[in-house]
Amino acid sequence: MRATDLGPCSRDPRGRDAEVMRTGLPSVPLGRVRGIGVGAHWSTIVAVLVMAQVVAVSVLPRAAPGHPASAYWVAGVLASLAFMLSLLAHELAHALTAQRFDITVTRIDLWLLGGVSRLSSPPRAPRAEFLIAVAGPATSVVVGVLAGAAGTVLAAWGAPALVVSPVLWLAVTNGVLAVFNLVPAAPLDGGRVLAAAVWWRTGDERRGTAVAAVAGKAFGLVLAAAGLAQVFAGAVSGLWLVLLGAYLVVSGAAEQSAGEVRHRLGGLLVRDVMTADPMIAPGWWTVRGFLRGLVSGPHRRVFPVVSFDGTVLGVVSLAELARVDDPLTTRISDACRALPDVPVASPEEPLVDLLARTPLGRGRDVVLVLRGPNLAGVVGPEDVAWALELSRSVPIEHHEVTS
C-alpha cells in the first residue's frame, strides 16, 4: 500500500498562527509582519475598554467640556486602539532587532498587561541582549514625541480639544510606557538591560539573569503592597497595581528558573537527551489494533506516526486515540496531528533553543527529531526532566547520531 493511499494526519483546527498563551487560552491571529505572527489574547479587549473609559470619563470631560458622552467614548476607543498599535510597534522593535542578531521571532501577542515577543532562542551576547531590550522603550519614546508634536501642531491650527486631547494623551502614555519599562526589574525591558550589564561586567549570563529576576520580584512586591494600600484606602484602582505586582513576582521567579535551566542544559544538543528509536504508531494500523498492542507495554502516552514506507506523518497521543469515534475502522494516520503543525528539531540543535520555542505538555507533546527525512528520535517532557535531574550531579556526555 502506498503512502499516498494512507490518508493524511489531521491539522490543528486553529491553524498554524493560533497560539495558546501561558494562561492556557488561545490568542486570536491578527496577521503577519516580516514573517512574524501577530495575535491578541482575549484580555486585550479588557485593556482597550479600560483605557477607553479612562479617556472618556476622566480625561476628555475636563480637557474638552461640553460634548456628549458618546463623543467622549468614540474618542476614547480610538485613542485606546491607537495606544495598542503603539504597543505593537514597541514589540515589533524588539522583534526586528532580534532578527538582526539572527534570532527567530515566532510571534507577538498582545494581552491585558502589554505585549510579549516570543524569541526562538535567548541572545548569545550581552550586546544583543541590551540592544533588543532598549529597542522597545526607544520606539515608545519616538511614538510619544511624534504624538506630542502632532498634538501641538493640531492645537496651533485650531483643532478642537476633543481631537487634540486624545493625541496628547497618547504622547503621555507612550512616555510613561517607556519609563516604566526601563525600571531595572525582570521581565521588564529595564530588567533585560540590567541582566545585560551584569553579564557584560562579570561574563556570567546566569548571574545577570538572577540579579534581574530578584529585582523583578522585589519591585513586584512593592507594587502589590502599594496597590493593597490603595484598596484599603478605598481606591479600587489599586487592584491594577496588585495585579501588575503579582505578575512581576511570578514572572521574575520564572525568569530565574529559566536562567537556571539554561545554565544546566546550555551545553547540550537535542541528540544528547532525545529518545532514539522510539516506539512508533504505524499510520496504516487501525486505532483499535494499535491500542490493543499497548496493553502489554511499553507504557508510553505519545507516539510519532509514520507511513508504510517510513515517512514521518506526525504525532498522536493516547488521549487523542481514546476520543476517536470509530476505532475499529479509523486509521492512526487519520487521527494524528500532522506536520508542519508538530514541532520538529535537528539532532544538532541546542537544547535550550528548542525549549525556548517549543512548550511541551505532558501526555500530549513530543518533538520529532529528524535527520533529513528520517526519524532519529523524539524529545518529550520526560527527556527534559531526566536531563535536568541528572545534570544536578553528573555532566551529560554528548552523543553521536548515525543516520
Protein backbone atom coordinates (compact mmCIF):
# COMPACT_ATOMS: atom_id res chain seq x y z
CA MET A 1 0.00 0.00 0.00
CA ARG A 2 1.46 3.39 -0.99
CA ALA A 3 1.90 6.24 1.50
CA THR A 4 -0.33 8.42 -0.65
CA ASP A 5 -3.15 5.96 -0.04
CA LEU A 6 -2.95 6.12 3.72
CA GLY A 7 -4.67 9.46 4.30
CA PRO A 8 -3.06 12.46 5.97
CA CYS A 9 -3.00 13.22 9.65
CA SER A 10 -5.36 15.98 10.76
CA ARG A 11 -4.24 19.60 11.02
CA ASP A 12 -4.73 21.68 14.14
CA PRO A 13 -8.16 23.29 13.52
CA ARG A 14 -6.88 26.58 14.96
CA GLY A 15 -4.27 26.84 12.18
CA ARG A 16 -0.56 27.44 12.41
CA ASP A 17 -0.98 31.02 13.60
CA ALA A 18 -3.19 30.10 16.54
CA GLU A 19 -1.28 30.09 19.80
CA VAL A 20 -2.05 29.34 23.40
CA MET A 21 -0.63 31.88 25.81
CA ARG A 22 0.57 30.97 29.28
CA THR A 23 -2.97 31.49 30.51
CA GLY A 24 -3.92 28.35 28.58
CA LEU A 25 -6.34 30.33 26.42
CA PRO A 26 -5.91 30.95 22.68
CA SER A 27 -4.55 34.08 21.09
CA VAL A 28 -6.52 35.30 18.06
CA PRO A 29 -4.30 35.72 14.97
CA LEU A 30 -4.26 39.24 13.53
CA GLY A 31 -1.77 38.83 10.70
CA ARG A 32 1.95 38.65 10.00
CA VAL A 33 4.69 41.29 9.87
CA ARG A 34 8.06 40.39 8.36
CA GLY A 35 7.19 36.73 8.81
CA ILE A 36 6.22 37.20 12.47
CA GLY A 37 2.75 36.10 13.53
CA VAL A 38 0.83 38.74 15.47
CA GLY A 39 -2.03 37.82 17.79
CA ALA A 40 -4.18 39.23 20.56
CA HIS A 41 -5.31 37.44 23.70
CA TRP A 42 -8.95 37.91 24.66
CA SER A 43 -7.88 40.05 27.64
CA THR A 44 -6.73 42.71 25.16
CA ILE A 45 -10.40 43.70 24.88
CA VAL A 46 -10.45 44.41 28.61
CA ALA A 47 -7.36 46.60 28.29
CA VAL A 48 -8.89 48.55 25.38
CA LEU A 49 -12.15 49.15 27.29
CA VAL A 50 -10.38 50.21 30.50
CA MET A 51 -8.17 52.73 28.68
CA ALA A 52 -11.15 53.99 26.67
CA GLN A 53 -13.04 54.56 29.92
CA VAL A 54 -10.12 56.50 31.39
CA VAL A 55 -10.03 58.81 28.37
CA ALA A 56 -13.81 59.11 28.04
CA VAL A 57 -14.64 59.60 31.73
CA SER A 58 -11.57 61.19 33.30
CA VAL A 59 -9.54 62.96 30.60
CA LEU A 60 -11.85 64.41 27.96
CA PRO A 61 -14.64 65.87 30.14
CA ARG A 62 -12.00 68.12 31.75
CA ALA A 63 -9.90 68.84 28.66
CA ALA A 64 -12.82 69.29 26.24
CA PRO A 65 -16.01 70.08 28.20
CA GLY A 66 -19.41 70.49 26.62
CA HIS A 67 -19.58 67.38 24.42
CA PRO A 68 -21.98 64.45 24.72
CA ALA A 69 -20.79 61.26 26.42
CA SER A 70 -21.00 59.37 23.12
CA ALA A 71 -18.40 61.71 21.59
CA TYR A 72 -16.08 61.13 24.54
CA TRP A 73 -16.43 57.37 24.20
CA VAL A 74 -15.77 57.37 20.46
CA ALA A 75 -12.63 59.45 21.00
CA GLY A 76 -11.66 57.23 23.95
CA VAL A 77 -11.97 54.00 21.98
CA LEU A 78 -9.96 55.45 19.08
CA ALA A 79 -7.25 56.67 21.46
CA SER A 80 -7.15 53.28 23.17
CA LEU A 81 -6.81 51.45 19.84
CA ALA A 82 -4.04 53.86 18.82
CA PHE A 83 -2.22 53.03 22.04
CA MET A 84 -2.49 49.30 21.29
CA LEU A 85 -0.96 49.98 17.88
CA SER A 86 1.89 51.86 19.55
CA LEU A 87 2.32 48.90 21.91
CA LEU A 88 2.54 46.64 18.86
CA ALA A 89 5.22 48.97 17.45
CA HIS A 90 7.08 48.62 20.76
CA GLU A 91 7.04 44.82 20.46
CA LEU A 92 7.91 44.88 16.77
CA ALA A 93 11.01 46.92 17.63
CA HIS A 94 12.12 44.12 19.96
CA ALA A 95 11.35 41.51 17.33
CA LEU A 96 13.03 43.21 14.37
CA THR A 97 16.14 43.93 16.45
CA ALA A 98 16.25 40.27 17.48
CA GLN A 99 16.09 39.27 13.82
CA ARG A 100 19.19 41.41 13.18
CA PHE A 101 21.04 39.09 15.56
CA ASP A 102 19.75 36.01 13.70
CA ILE A 103 17.21 35.18 16.41
CA THR A 104 13.94 33.86 15.05
CA VAL A 105 10.82 35.52 16.48
CA THR A 106 7.95 33.05 16.45
CA ARG A 107 5.18 35.54 17.22
CA ILE A 108 4.00 38.61 19.09
CA ASP A 109 0.99 38.52 21.42
CA LEU A 110 -0.87 41.47 22.92
CA TRP A 111 -2.71 40.93 26.19
CA LEU A 112 -4.12 42.65 29.27
CA LEU A 113 -0.80 43.87 30.71
CA GLY A 114 1.06 44.66 27.50
CA GLY A 115 2.76 42.60 24.82
CA VAL A 116 5.05 39.58 24.54
CA SER A 117 7.60 38.89 21.79
CA ARG A 118 8.42 35.19 21.65
CA LEU A 119 12.04 34.55 20.68
CA SER A 120 13.13 31.10 19.50
CA SER A 121 16.37 31.37 21.46
CA PRO A 122 17.90 33.74 24.02
CA PRO A 123 20.52 36.33 22.94
CA ARG A 124 24.02 34.89 22.99
CA ALA A 125 25.89 38.07 23.92
CA PRO A 126 25.25 40.93 26.35
CA ARG A 127 25.33 43.46 23.49
CA ALA A 128 22.49 41.66 21.72
CA GLU A 129 20.52 41.40 24.98
CA PHE A 130 20.96 45.13 25.59
CA LEU A 131 20.04 46.31 22.09
CA ILE A 132 16.98 44.05 21.85
CA ALA A 133 15.80 45.30 25.25
CA VAL A 134 16.20 49.05 24.61
CA ALA A 135 14.63 48.92 21.14
CA GLY A 136 11.12 48.77 22.62
CA PRO A 137 11.32 51.75 25.01
CA ALA A 138 13.19 53.75 22.35
CA THR A 139 10.31 53.17 19.95
CA SER A 140 7.80 54.24 22.61
CA VAL A 141 9.77 57.46 23.12
CA VAL A 142 9.73 58.13 19.37
CA VAL A 143 5.97 57.49 19.19
CA GLY A 144 5.43 59.73 22.21
CA VAL A 145 7.47 62.56 20.69
CA LEU A 146 5.68 62.26 17.35
CA ALA A 147 2.27 62.21 19.04
CA GLY A 148 3.21 65.21 21.17
CA ALA A 149 4.38 67.12 18.11
CA ALA A 150 1.20 66.20 16.24
CA GLY A 151 -0.96 67.37 19.13
CA THR A 152 0.93 70.64 19.36
CA VAL A 153 0.56 71.27 15.62
CA LEU A 154 -3.15 70.42 15.73
CA ALA A 155 -3.68 72.83 18.62
CA ALA A 156 -1.79 75.58 16.75
CA TRP A 157 -4.02 75.04 13.73
CA GLY A 158 -7.09 75.47 15.91
CA ALA A 159 -8.24 71.88 16.03
CA PRO A 160 -10.91 71.20 18.69
CA ALA A 161 -9.81 69.97 22.10
CA LEU A 162 -11.80 66.77 21.50
CA VAL A 163 -9.26 65.92 18.80
CA VAL A 164 -6.12 67.37 20.37
CA SER A 165 -6.50 65.89 23.85
CA PRO A 166 -6.53 62.18 22.84
CA VAL A 167 -3.41 62.75 20.73
CA LEU A 168 -1.63 64.38 23.68
CA TRP A 169 -2.86 61.54 25.93
CA LEU A 170 -1.27 59.08 23.50
CA ALA A 171 2.01 61.01 23.77
CA VAL A 172 1.96 60.92 27.57
CA THR A 173 1.04 57.24 27.82
CA ASN A 174 3.86 56.25 25.48
CA GLY A 175 6.27 58.25 27.60
CA VAL A 176 5.01 56.51 30.72
CA LEU A 177 5.28 53.15 28.94
CA ALA A 178 8.92 53.84 28.06
CA VAL A 179 9.85 54.98 31.57
CA PHE A 180 8.05 52.11 33.32
CA ASN A 181 9.60 49.52 31.02
CA LEU A 182 13.07 50.81 31.82
CA VAL A 183 12.70 50.02 35.53
CA PRO A 184 15.58 47.56 36.15
CA ALA A 185 13.38 44.61 37.08
CA ALA A 186 12.73 41.44 35.07
CA PRO A 187 10.71 40.76 32.97
CA LEU A 188 10.56 44.48 32.09
CA ASP A 189 12.91 45.79 29.42
CA GLY A 190 14.94 47.51 32.12
CA GLY A 191 15.45 44.11 33.71
CA ARG A 192 16.93 42.86 30.44
CA VAL A 193 19.21 45.90 30.40
CA LEU A 194 20.29 45.14 33.97
CA ALA A 195 20.90 41.49 33.11
CA ALA A 196 22.96 42.52 30.07
CA ALA A 197 25.04 44.93 32.17
CA VAL A 198 25.81 42.31 34.85
CA TRP A 199 26.51 39.74 32.15
CA TRP A 200 28.93 42.13 30.40
CA ARG A 201 30.62 43.10 33.67
CA THR A 202 31.03 39.60 35.09
CA GLY A 203 30.95 37.42 31.99
CA ASP A 204 28.26 35.31 33.70
CA GLU A 205 24.87 35.24 31.97
CA ARG A 206 23.36 33.20 34.80
CA ARG A 207 24.31 35.85 37.36
CA GLY A 208 22.84 38.63 35.23
CA THR A 209 19.54 36.78 34.90
CA ALA A 210 19.44 36.05 38.64
CA VAL A 211 20.08 39.69 39.61
CA ALA A 212 17.37 40.96 37.26
CA ALA A 213 14.93 38.29 38.46
CA VAL A 214 15.45 39.17 42.13
CA ALA A 215 14.96 42.84 41.30
CA GLY A 216 11.77 41.95 39.43
CA LYS A 217 10.31 40.05 42.37
CA ALA A 218 11.22 42.87 44.78
CA PHE A 219 9.67 45.53 42.53
CA GLY A 220 6.56 43.40 42.10
CA LEU A 221 6.14 43.08 45.86
CA VAL A 222 6.46 46.87 46.23
CA LEU A 223 3.80 47.47 43.57
CA ALA A 224 1.46 44.89 45.08
CA ALA A 225 1.86 46.41 48.55
CA ALA A 226 1.19 49.89 47.18
CA GLY A 227 -1.90 48.59 45.40
CA LEU A 228 -3.23 46.91 48.53
CA ALA A 229 -2.71 50.14 50.48
CA GLN A 230 -4.82 51.96 47.87
CA VAL A 231 -7.52 49.32 48.02
CA PHE A 232 -7.72 49.54 51.83
CA ALA A 233 -7.93 53.31 51.47
CA GLY A 234 -10.99 52.90 49.24
CA ALA A 235 -9.38 53.23 45.81
CA VAL A 236 -10.47 50.22 43.77
CA SER A 237 -7.98 51.21 41.05
CA GLY A 238 -5.27 49.86 43.35
CA LEU A 239 -6.25 46.39 42.16
CA TRP A 240 -4.37 47.11 38.92
CA LEU A 241 -1.17 47.63 40.88
CA VAL A 242 -1.82 44.40 42.78
CA LEU A 243 -2.36 42.53 39.51
CA LEU A 244 0.74 44.05 37.92
CA GLY A 245 2.84 43.39 41.02
CA ALA A 246 1.72 39.77 41.17
CA TYR A 247 2.59 39.35 37.50
CA LEU A 248 6.08 40.75 38.07
CA VAL A 249 6.68 38.47 41.06
CA VAL A 250 5.59 35.36 39.17
CA SER A 251 7.46 36.37 36.01
CA GLY A 252 10.60 37.19 37.99
CA ALA A 253 10.55 33.72 39.51
CA ALA A 254 10.02 32.22 36.04
CA GLU A 255 12.97 34.22 34.69
CA GLN A 256 15.17 32.91 37.47
CA SER A 257 14.06 29.33 36.85
CA ALA A 258 14.61 29.69 33.10
CA GLY A 259 18.09 31.07 33.73
CA GLU A 260 18.92 28.06 35.87
CA VAL A 261 17.66 25.72 33.14
CA ARG A 262 19.79 27.49 30.52
CA HIS A 263 22.81 27.19 32.79
CA ARG A 264 22.39 23.46 33.40
CA LEU A 265 21.38 22.50 29.87
CA GLY A 266 23.28 25.16 27.96
CA GLY A 267 25.96 22.84 26.55
CA LEU A 268 23.60 20.08 25.44
CA LEU A 269 22.30 19.33 21.98
CA VAL A 270 18.95 17.75 21.19
CA ARG A 271 20.67 14.44 20.36
CA ASP A 272 22.10 14.27 23.90
CA VAL A 273 18.69 13.95 25.57
CA MET A 274 16.39 12.55 22.88
CA THR A 275 14.93 9.08 23.00
CA ALA A 276 16.45 7.32 19.99
CA ASP A 277 14.46 4.72 18.05
CA PRO A 278 11.20 5.42 19.90
CA MET A 279 8.15 3.24 19.63
CA ILE A 280 6.16 4.41 16.62
CA ALA A 281 2.48 4.34 15.73
CA PRO A 282 2.10 2.79 12.24
CA GLY A 283 -0.15 5.10 10.25
CA TRP A 284 -1.82 2.22 8.39
CA TRP A 285 -2.94 0.44 11.56
CA THR A 286 -6.41 0.92 12.97
CA VAL A 287 -6.78 2.76 16.27
CA ARG A 288 -8.24 -0.33 17.98
CA GLY A 289 -5.45 -2.59 16.78
CA PHE A 290 -2.76 -0.20 17.97
CA LEU A 291 -4.37 0.32 21.38
CA ARG A 292 -4.69 -3.43 21.92
CA GLY A 293 -0.98 -3.78 21.27
CA LEU A 294 -0.21 -1.27 24.03
CA VAL A 295 -1.84 -3.29 26.81
CA SER A 296 1.35 -5.23 27.47
CA GLY A 297 3.58 -2.13 27.22
CA PRO A 298 5.64 -0.11 26.84
CA HIS A 299 3.84 2.50 28.89
CA ARG A 300 4.11 5.49 26.55
CA ARG A 301 1.49 8.18 26.01
CA VAL A 302 2.69 9.99 22.89
CA PHE A 303 3.94 8.42 19.67
CA PRO A 304 5.43 9.55 16.37
CA VAL A 305 3.33 8.38 13.43
CA VAL A 306 4.96 7.01 10.27
CA SER A 307 3.61 5.72 6.98
CA PHE A 308 4.15 2.28 5.49
CA ASP A 309 7.29 3.46 3.68
CA GLY A 310 8.74 5.11 6.80
CA THR A 311 7.69 8.69 6.02
CA VAL A 312 7.10 10.71 9.17
CA LEU A 313 3.47 11.86 9.27
CA GLY A 314 3.00 13.46 12.68
CA VAL A 315 2.27 12.73 16.32
CA VAL A 316 -0.61 11.16 18.22
CA SER A 317 -1.36 10.77 21.94
CA LEU A 318 -3.34 8.16 23.83
CA ALA A 319 -5.88 10.80 24.78
CA GLU A 320 -6.47 11.65 21.13
CA LEU A 321 -6.83 7.99 20.18
CA ALA A 322 -9.30 7.45 23.04
CA ARG A 323 -11.55 10.15 21.59
CA VAL A 324 -11.84 8.52 18.16
CA ASP A 325 -15.49 7.71 17.45
CA ASP A 326 -14.87 4.62 15.34
CA PRO A 327 -11.61 2.97 16.46
CA LEU A 328 -12.34 -0.23 14.53
CA THR A 329 -12.04 1.41 11.09
CA THR A 330 -10.19 4.67 11.75
CA ARG A 331 -6.51 4.51 10.89
CA ILE A 332 -3.83 6.13 13.02
CA SER A 333 -2.92 8.38 10.08
CA ASP A 334 -6.43 9.86 10.19
CA ALA A 335 -6.29 10.61 13.91
CA CYS A 336 -2.86 12.18 14.39
CA ARG A 337 -1.59 15.76 14.36
CA ALA A 338 0.25 16.32 11.10
CA LEU A 339 3.40 18.06 10.02
CA PRO A 340 4.01 21.00 9.87
CA ASP A 341 1.80 21.63 12.92
CA VAL A 342 4.01 19.32 15.01
CA PRO A 343 7.34 20.73 16.29
CA VAL A 344 10.47 19.25 14.78
CA ALA A 345 14.14 19.65 15.57
CA SER A 346 17.55 18.69 14.25
CA PRO A 347 19.78 16.45 16.39
CA GLU A 348 22.43 19.21 16.32
CA GLU A 349 20.12 21.99 17.57
CA PRO A 350 20.99 23.36 21.03
CA LEU A 351 18.52 22.00 23.54
CA VAL A 352 17.89 25.40 25.16
CA ASP A 353 16.87 26.82 21.76
CA LEU A 354 14.35 24.03 21.34
CA LEU A 355 12.89 24.59 24.81
CA ALA A 356 12.66 28.35 24.20
CA ARG A 357 10.49 27.92 21.11
CA THR A 358 8.51 24.79 21.97
CA PRO A 359 6.39 24.26 25.10
CA LEU A 360 5.98 20.57 25.90
CA GLY A 361 2.76 19.39 27.55
CA ARG A 362 2.90 16.12 29.45
CA GLY A 363 0.92 13.34 27.82
CA ARG A 364 0.36 15.31 24.63
CA ASP A 365 3.54 16.68 23.05
CA VAL A 366 6.82 15.39 21.74
CA VAL A 367 9.28 17.00 19.38
CA LEU A 368 10.14 14.91 16.36
CA VAL A 369 13.90 14.83 15.86
CA LEU A 370 14.60 14.44 12.15
CA ARG A 371 17.83 13.75 10.34
CA GLY A 372 16.86 14.61 6.81
CA PRO A 373 13.57 12.80 6.10
CA ASN A 374 14.25 10.11 8.69
CA LEU A 375 13.10 9.94 12.30
CA ALA A 376 16.16 9.97 14.57
CA GLY A 377 14.27 10.17 17.86
CA VAL A 378 11.88 12.23 19.96
CA VAL A 379 12.17 14.69 22.81
CA GLY A 380 9.38 14.86 25.38
CA PRO A 381 8.86 16.37 28.83
CA GLU A 382 10.27 13.24 30.46
CA ASP A 383 13.52 13.54 28.49
CA VAL A 384 13.96 17.16 29.58
CA ALA A 385 13.16 16.29 33.21
CA TRP A 386 15.71 13.45 33.05
CA ALA A 387 18.40 15.84 31.80
CA LEU A 388 17.62 18.46 34.44
CA GLU A 389 17.70 16.00 37.33
CA LEU A 390 20.79 14.14 36.14
CA SER A 391 22.72 17.35 35.44
CA ARG A 392 22.49 18.25 39.14
CA SER A 393 25.02 15.51 39.89
CA VAL A 394 26.97 14.49 36.81
CA PRO A 395 27.70 16.04 33.41
CA ILE A 396 25.76 14.60 30.49
CA GLU A 397 28.00 13.40 27.70
CA HIS A 398 27.45 14.25 24.05
CA HIS A 399 26.05 11.51 21.87
CA GLU A 400 26.62 10.85 18.21
CA VAL A 401 23.70 10.04 15.96
CA THR A 402 24.04 7.86 12.90
CA SER A 403 21.63 8.14 10.04
